[in-house]
C-alpha atoms as a PDB file:
ATOM      1  CA  PHE A   1     -40.331 187.426  59.990  1.00  0.00           C
ATOM      2  CA  ASP A   2     -42.648 189.479  57.650  1.00  0.00           C
ATOM      3  CA  ASN A   3     -39.740 189.500  55.228  1.00  0.00           C
ATOM      4  CA  GLN A   4     -39.388 185.557  55.181  1.00  0.00           C
ATOM      5  CA  LEU A   5     -42.856 185.013  54.693  1.00  0.00           C
ATOM      6  CA  GLU A   6     -43.069 187.616  51.837  1.00  0.00           C
ATOM      7  CA  SER A   7     -39.975 185.723  50.356  1.00  0.00           C
ATOM      8  CA  VAL A   8     -41.727 182.356  50.262  1.00  0.00           C
ATOM      9  CA  PHE A   9     -45.454 183.775  49.224  1.00  0.00           C
ATOM     10  CA  PRO A  10     -44.374 186.929  47.168  1.00  0.00           C
ATOM     11  CA  SER A  11     -47.810 187.453  45.755  1.00  0.00           C
ATOM     12  CA  GLN A  12     -49.270 187.981  49.322  1.00  0.00           C
ATOM     13  CA  ASN A  13     -49.454 190.706  51.614  1.00  0.00           C
ATOM     14  CA  PHE A  14     -48.922 189.501  55.593  1.00  0.00           C
ATOM     15  CA  THR A  15     -49.885 191.223  58.638  1.00  0.00           C
ATOM     16  CA  VAL A  16     -47.707 189.809  61.377  1.00  0.00           C
ATOM     17  CA  THR A  17     -48.573 190.499  65.103  1.00  0.00           C
ATOM     18  CA  ASN A  18     -46.391 189.969  67.918  1.00  0.00           C
ATOM     19  CA  GLU A  19     -48.813 189.398  70.996  1.00  0.00           C
ATOM     20  CA  GLY A  20     -46.114 187.739  73.320  1.00  0.00           C
ATOM     21  CA  VAL A  21     -45.532 188.993  76.863  1.00  0.00           C
ATOM     22  CA  PRO A  22     -42.141 188.801  78.072  1.00  0.00           C
ATOM     23  CA  GLY A  23     -42.360 186.713  81.373  1.00  0.00           C
ATOM     24  CA  GLU A  24     -45.861 185.408  80.776  1.00  0.00           C
ATOM     25  CA  TRP A  25     -47.183 182.165  82.162  1.00  0.00           C
ATOM     26  CA  ALA A  26     -49.469 180.001  80.047  1.00  0.00           C
ATOM     27  CA  LEU A  27     -51.760 180.074  82.957  1.00  0.00           C
ATOM     28  CA  THR A  28     -52.063 183.352  83.453  1.00  0.00           C
ATOM     29  CA  ALA A  29     -52.728 184.137  79.756  1.00  0.00           C
ATOM     30  CA  MET A  30     -55.569 181.979  79.869  1.00  0.00           C
ATOM     31  CA  THR A  31     -57.060 182.666  83.556  1.00  0.00           C
ATOM     32  CA  GLY A  32     -56.498 186.076  83.191  1.00  0.00           C
ATOM     33  CA  GLY A  33     -58.411 186.459  79.737  1.00  0.00           C
ATOM     34  CA  ARG A  34     -55.482 187.967  77.665  1.00  0.00           C
ATOM     35  CA  PHE A  35     -55.052 185.171  75.244  1.00  0.00           C
ATOM     36  CA  ALA A  36     -59.080 185.200  74.564  1.00  0.00           C
ATOM     37  CA  GLN A  37     -59.160 188.854  74.126  1.00  0.00           C
ATOM     38  CA  ARG A  38     -56.276 188.810  71.771  1.00  0.00           C
ATOM     39  CA  MET A  39     -57.862 185.979  69.700  1.00  0.00           C
ATOM     40  CA  ALA A  40     -61.101 187.816  69.777  1.00  0.00           C
ATOM     41  CA  ALA A  41     -59.429 190.950  68.387  1.00  0.00           C
ATOM     42  CA  GLN A  42     -57.023 189.770  66.145  1.00  0.00           C
ATOM     43  CA  ARG A  43     -59.180 186.727  64.648  1.00  0.00           C
ATOM     44  CA  PRO A  44     -55.689 185.755  62.954  1.00  0.00           C
ATOM     45  CA  GLN A  45     -55.616 182.973  60.060  1.00  0.00           C
ATOM     46  CA  ALA A  46     -52.689 181.249  61.894  1.00  0.00           C
ATOM     47  CA  LEU A  47     -51.227 181.499  65.455  1.00  0.00           C
ATOM     48  CA  LEU A  48     -47.781 180.630  66.225  1.00  0.00           C
ATOM     49  CA  LEU A  49     -47.703 179.336  69.439  1.00  0.00           C
ATOM     50  CA  LEU A  50     -44.584 178.885  71.551  1.00  0.00           C
ATOM     51  CA  HIS A  51     -45.498 178.658  75.410  1.00  0.00           C
ATOM     52  CA  GLY A  52     -44.890 177.079  78.518  1.00  0.00           C
ATOM     53  CA  PHE A  53     -41.194 177.669  79.593  1.00  0.00           C
ATOM     54  CA  ASN A  54     -42.031 180.152  82.286  1.00  0.00           C
ATOM     55  CA  ASP A  55     -44.802 177.909  83.984  1.00  0.00           C
ATOM     56  CA  LEU A  56     -42.014 174.935  83.873  1.00  0.00           C
ATOM     57  CA  ASN A  57     -39.492 177.450  85.350  1.00  0.00           C
ATOM     58  CA  ASN A  58     -41.464 178.314  88.040  1.00  0.00           C
ATOM     59  CA  ASP A  59     -42.494 174.601  89.268  1.00  0.00           C
ATOM     60  CA  GLN A  60     -45.719 174.620  87.047  1.00  0.00           C
ATOM     61  CA  SER A  61     -46.194 170.926  86.623  1.00  0.00           C
ATOM     62  CA  THR A  62     -45.879 169.760  82.724  1.00  0.00           C
ATOM     63  CA  ALA A  63     -49.525 168.280  82.909  1.00  0.00           C
ATOM     64  CA  ALA A  64     -50.822 171.771  83.821  1.00  0.00           C
ATOM     65  CA  THR A  65     -48.579 173.636  81.544  1.00  0.00           C
ATOM     66  CA  VAL A  66     -49.879 171.529  78.494  1.00  0.00           C
ATOM     67  CA  ALA A  67     -53.342 171.934  79.674  1.00  0.00           C
ATOM     68  CA  TYR A  68     -52.996 175.617  79.742  1.00  0.00           C
ATOM     69  CA  VAL A  69     -51.429 175.406  76.134  1.00  0.00           C
ATOM     70  CA  GLN A  70     -54.053 172.679  75.229  1.00  0.00           C
ATOM     71  CA  GLN A  71     -56.617 175.723  76.274  1.00  0.00           C
ATOM     72  CA  MET A  72     -54.771 178.314  74.209  1.00  0.00           C
ATOM     73  CA  VAL A  73     -54.850 175.673  70.878  1.00  0.00           C
ATOM     74  CA  GLU A  74     -58.854 174.847  71.413  1.00  0.00           C
ATOM     75  CA  LEU A  75     -59.642 178.409  71.622  1.00  0.00           C
ATOM     76  CA  ALA A  76     -57.929 179.385  68.764  1.00  0.00           C
ATOM     77  CA  ARG A  77     -59.449 176.439  66.897  1.00  0.00           C
ATOM     78  CA  LEU A  78     -62.743 178.105  67.646  1.00  0.00           C
ATOM     79  CA  TYR A  79     -61.895 180.778  65.588  1.00  0.00           C
ATOM     80  CA  ASN A  80     -60.894 178.602  62.983  1.00  0.00           C
ATOM     81  CA  THR A  81     -57.368 179.523  63.343  1.00  0.00           C
ATOM     82  CA  THR A  82     -54.439 177.013  62.238  1.00  0.00           C
ATOM     83  CA  VAL A  83     -52.112 176.437  65.029  1.00  0.00           C
ATOM     84  CA  PHE A  84     -48.432 176.194  64.691  1.00  0.00           C
ATOM     85  CA  LEU A  85     -47.358 174.845  67.799  1.00  0.00           C
ATOM     86  CA  GLY A  86     -43.492 175.159  68.688  1.00  0.00           C
ATOM     87  CA  THR A  87     -41.812 172.568  71.026  1.00  0.00           C
ATOM     88  CA  MET A  88     -39.560 174.220  73.471  1.00  0.00           C
ATOM     89  CA  PHE A  89     -35.997 174.467  72.557  1.00  0.00           C
ATOM     90  CA  GLN A  90     -33.226 173.143  75.038  1.00  0.00           C
ATOM     91  CA  THR A  91     -32.070 175.599  77.460  1.00  0.00           C
ATOM     92  CA  CYS A  92     -28.984 175.714  79.596  1.00  0.00           C
ATOM     93  CA  ALA A  93     -27.661 175.971  83.172  1.00  0.00           C
ATOM     94  CA  SER A  94     -26.477 179.733  83.602  1.00  0.00           C
ATOM     95  CA  THR A  95     -25.932 182.035  86.224  1.00  0.00           C
ATOM     96  CA  SER A  96     -27.000 185.619  86.676  1.00  0.00           C
ATOM     97  CA  PRO A  97     -24.670 188.895  86.703  1.00  0.00           C
ATOM     98  CA  GLN A  98     -24.876 188.423  90.706  1.00  0.00           C
ATOM     99  CA  GLY A  99     -23.309 185.092  90.275  1.00  0.00           C
ATOM    100  CA  GLN A 100     -26.569 183.042  91.348  1.00  0.00           C
ATOM    101  CA  MET A 101     -27.908 180.292  89.295  1.00  0.00           C
ATOM    102  CA  ARG A 102     -30.789 181.005  87.123  1.00  0.00           C
ATOM    103  CA  PRO A 103     -34.098 179.129  87.618  1.00  0.00           C
ATOM    104  CA  ASN A 104     -33.896 176.794  84.842  1.00  0.00           C
ATOM    105  CA  ALA A 105     -36.182 173.948  83.685  1.00  0.00           C
ATOM    106  CA  ALA A 106     -33.880 172.696  81.201  1.00  0.00           C
ATOM    107  CA  THR A 107     -34.339 168.763  82.495  1.00  0.00           C
ATOM    108  CA  ARG A 108     -38.067 169.021  81.876  1.00  0.00           C
ATOM    109  CA  ILE A 109     -38.032 170.153  78.420  1.00  0.00           C
ATOM    110  CA  ALA A 110     -37.846 167.033  76.624  1.00  0.00           C
ATOM    111  CA  GLY A 111     -40.754 165.592  78.623  1.00  0.00           C
ATOM    112  CA  TYR A 112     -42.918 168.826  78.026  1.00  0.00           C
ATOM    113  CA  ASN A 113     -41.940 168.489  74.429  1.00  0.00           C
ATOM    114  CA  SER A 114     -43.357 164.692  74.431  1.00  0.00           C
ATOM    115  CA  ALA A 115     -46.403 165.762  76.478  1.00  0.00           C
ATOM    116  CA  LEU A 116     -47.167 168.660  74.012  1.00  0.00           C
ATOM    117  CA  LYS A 117     -46.894 166.617  70.713  1.00  0.00           C
ATOM    118  CA  ALA A 118     -49.105 163.869  72.290  1.00  0.00           C
ATOM    119  CA  MET A 119     -51.798 166.313  72.970  1.00  0.00           C
ATOM    120  CA  ALA A 120     -51.461 168.012  69.581  1.00  0.00           C
ATOM    121  CA  ALA A 121     -51.624 164.675  67.903  1.00  0.00           C
ATOM    122  CA  GLY A 122     -54.772 164.158  65.611  1.00  0.00           C
ATOM    123  CA  ARG A 123     -56.086 167.649  66.112  1.00  0.00           C
ATOM    124  CA  GLN A 124     -57.308 169.223  62.850  1.00  0.00           C
ATOM    125  CA  ASN A 125     -55.229 172.121  61.794  1.00  0.00           C
ATOM    126  CA  VAL A 126     -52.836 172.061  64.512  1.00  0.00           C
ATOM    127  CA  TYR A 127     -49.101 171.469  63.749  1.00  0.00           C
ATOM    128  CA  VAL A 128     -46.356 170.899  65.618  1.00  0.00           C
ATOM    129  CA  VAL A 129     -42.985 172.634  64.788  1.00  0.00           C
ATOM    130  CA  ASP A 130     -40.109 170.792  66.163  1.00  0.00           C
ATOM    131  CA  VAL A 131     -38.158 173.786  67.401  1.00  0.00           C
ATOM    132  CA  TYR A 132     -36.197 171.830  69.811  1.00  0.00           C
ATOM    133  CA  ALA A 133     -34.518 169.401  67.112  1.00  0.00           C
ATOM    134  CA  ALA A 134     -34.027 172.589  64.995  1.00  0.00           C
ATOM    135  CA  PHE A 135     -32.117 174.136  67.846  1.00  0.00           C
ATOM    136  CA  GLY A 136     -30.064 171.174  69.362  1.00  0.00           C
ATOM    137  CA  ASN A 137     -28.441 171.106  72.388  1.00  0.00           C
ATOM    138  CA  ASN A 138     -26.266 174.528  72.591  1.00  0.00           C
ATOM    139  CA  CYS A 139     -25.146 174.167  76.215  1.00  0.00           C
ATOM    140  CA  ASP A 140     -21.646 174.548  77.343  1.00  0.00           C
ATOM    141  CA  ALA A 141     -19.991 175.456  80.620  1.00  0.00           C
ATOM    142  CA  ASN A 142     -20.815 179.222  79.781  1.00  0.00           C
ATOM    143  CA  GLY A 143     -24.363 178.671  78.963  1.00  0.00           C
ATOM    144  CA  GLY A 144     -26.059 179.003  75.663  1.00  0.00           C
ATOM    145  CA  VAL A 145     -23.975 179.431  72.612  1.00  0.00           C
ATOM    146  CA  GLY A 146     -24.860 179.330  68.710  1.00  0.00           C
ATOM    147  CA  TRP A 147     -28.806 180.045  68.471  1.00  0.00           C
ATOM    148  CA  LEU A 148     -28.994 180.782  72.272  1.00  0.00           C
ATOM    149  CA  GLY A 149     -28.239 183.915  74.251  1.00  0.00           C
ATOM    150  CA  GLY A 150     -25.530 183.966  77.238  1.00  0.00           C
ATOM    151  CA  ASP A 151     -28.327 183.523  79.616  1.00  0.00           C
ATOM    152  CA  GLY A 152     -29.066 180.038  78.469  1.00  0.00           C
ATOM    153  CA  LEU A 153     -33.227 180.923  78.273  1.00  0.00           C
ATOM    154  CA  HIS A 154     -33.353 183.125  75.439  1.00  0.00           C
ATOM    155  CA  PRO A 155     -32.402 182.850  71.800  1.00  0.00           C
ATOM    156  CA  SER A 156     -29.733 185.273  70.708  1.00  0.00           C
ATOM    157  CA  PRO A 157     -30.507 187.748  67.854  1.00  0.00           C
ATOM    158  CA  THR A 158     -29.409 184.652  65.326  1.00  0.00           C
ATOM    159  CA  GLY A 159     -31.592 182.290  67.277  1.00  0.00           C
ATOM    160  CA  TYR A 160     -34.642 184.509  66.714  1.00  0.00           C
ATOM    161  CA  THR A 161     -33.818 184.905  63.214  1.00  0.00           C
ATOM    162  CA  ALA A 162     -33.469 180.926  63.064  1.00  0.00           C
ATOM    163  CA  LEU A 163     -36.717 180.615  64.844  1.00  0.00           C
ATOM    164  CA  ALA A 164     -38.446 182.855  62.247  1.00  0.00           C
ATOM    165  CA  SER A 165     -37.010 180.681  59.741  1.00  0.00           C
ATOM    166  CA  ILE A 166     -38.344 177.375  61.419  1.00  0.00           C
ATOM    167  CA  PHE A 167     -41.750 178.791  61.763  1.00  0.00           C
ATOM    168  CA  THR A 168     -41.784 180.024  58.136  1.00  0.00           C
ATOM    169  CA  THR A 169     -40.709 176.610  56.636  1.00  0.00           C
ATOM    170  CA  ALA A 170     -43.610 174.985  58.740  1.00  0.00           C
ATOM    171  CA  ILE A 171     -45.978 177.820  57.009  1.00  0.00           C
ATOM    172  CA  ARG A 172     -44.699 177.197  53.592  1.00  0.00           C
ATOM    173  CA  ASP A 173     -44.965 172.988  54.035  1.00  0.00           C
ATOM    174  CA  ARG A 174     -48.671 173.753  55.185  1.00  0.00           C
ATOM    175  CA  PHE A 175     -49.836 176.604  52.896  1.00  0.00           C
ATOM    176  CA  VAL A 176     -48.501 175.384  49.765  1.00  0.00           C
ATOM    177  CA  VAL A 177     -49.222 177.804  46.647  1.00  0.00           C
ATOM    178  CA  ARG A 178     -49.508 175.142  43.468  1.00  0.00           C
ATOM    179  CA  GLY A 179     -49.363 177.469  40.431  1.00  0.00           C
ATOM    180  CA  SER A 180     -50.990 180.281  39.424  1.00  0.00           C
ATOM    181  CA  TYR A 181     -54.251 181.674  38.190  1.00  0.00           C
ATOM    182  CA  GLN A 182     -54.086 183.336  34.485  1.00  0.00           C
END
């Protein structure tokens, strides 16, 4: 991701910190205080936020999940942080190595994304990054293909590269550099 940013903004130096926690719910990130602690410690200029699937995948309601993501957005705005809010990509049904169906909130993603966009609408310095549209529907009988891994839930290495590119494009579009000082 750093390399993609530096290729778009060659005269800038970037510090990119991955503060994501695998399996974390938006609910626990907020109620447990981890998100607030990380925002206070990092004070980032920009936040790339793709959160909520674990909540949905564990039967948390769309409204509650969006409410926790909204709390993250509002907290980031208190730090004058520009938020790039990713929609959720389409996941696919898949089975575990033990042959059991994995929990999957695939049917809830479109509704979640609509609610996320509605929440973000009109908020200053909050930009929706349409990951869902970029990824498309990569499902078939065997689970994820293309940008999704075989588990149907997580991006493949190619998908992670594409995800970085999608966010880099959003950053480039919002932080345009015009000309140079000489």
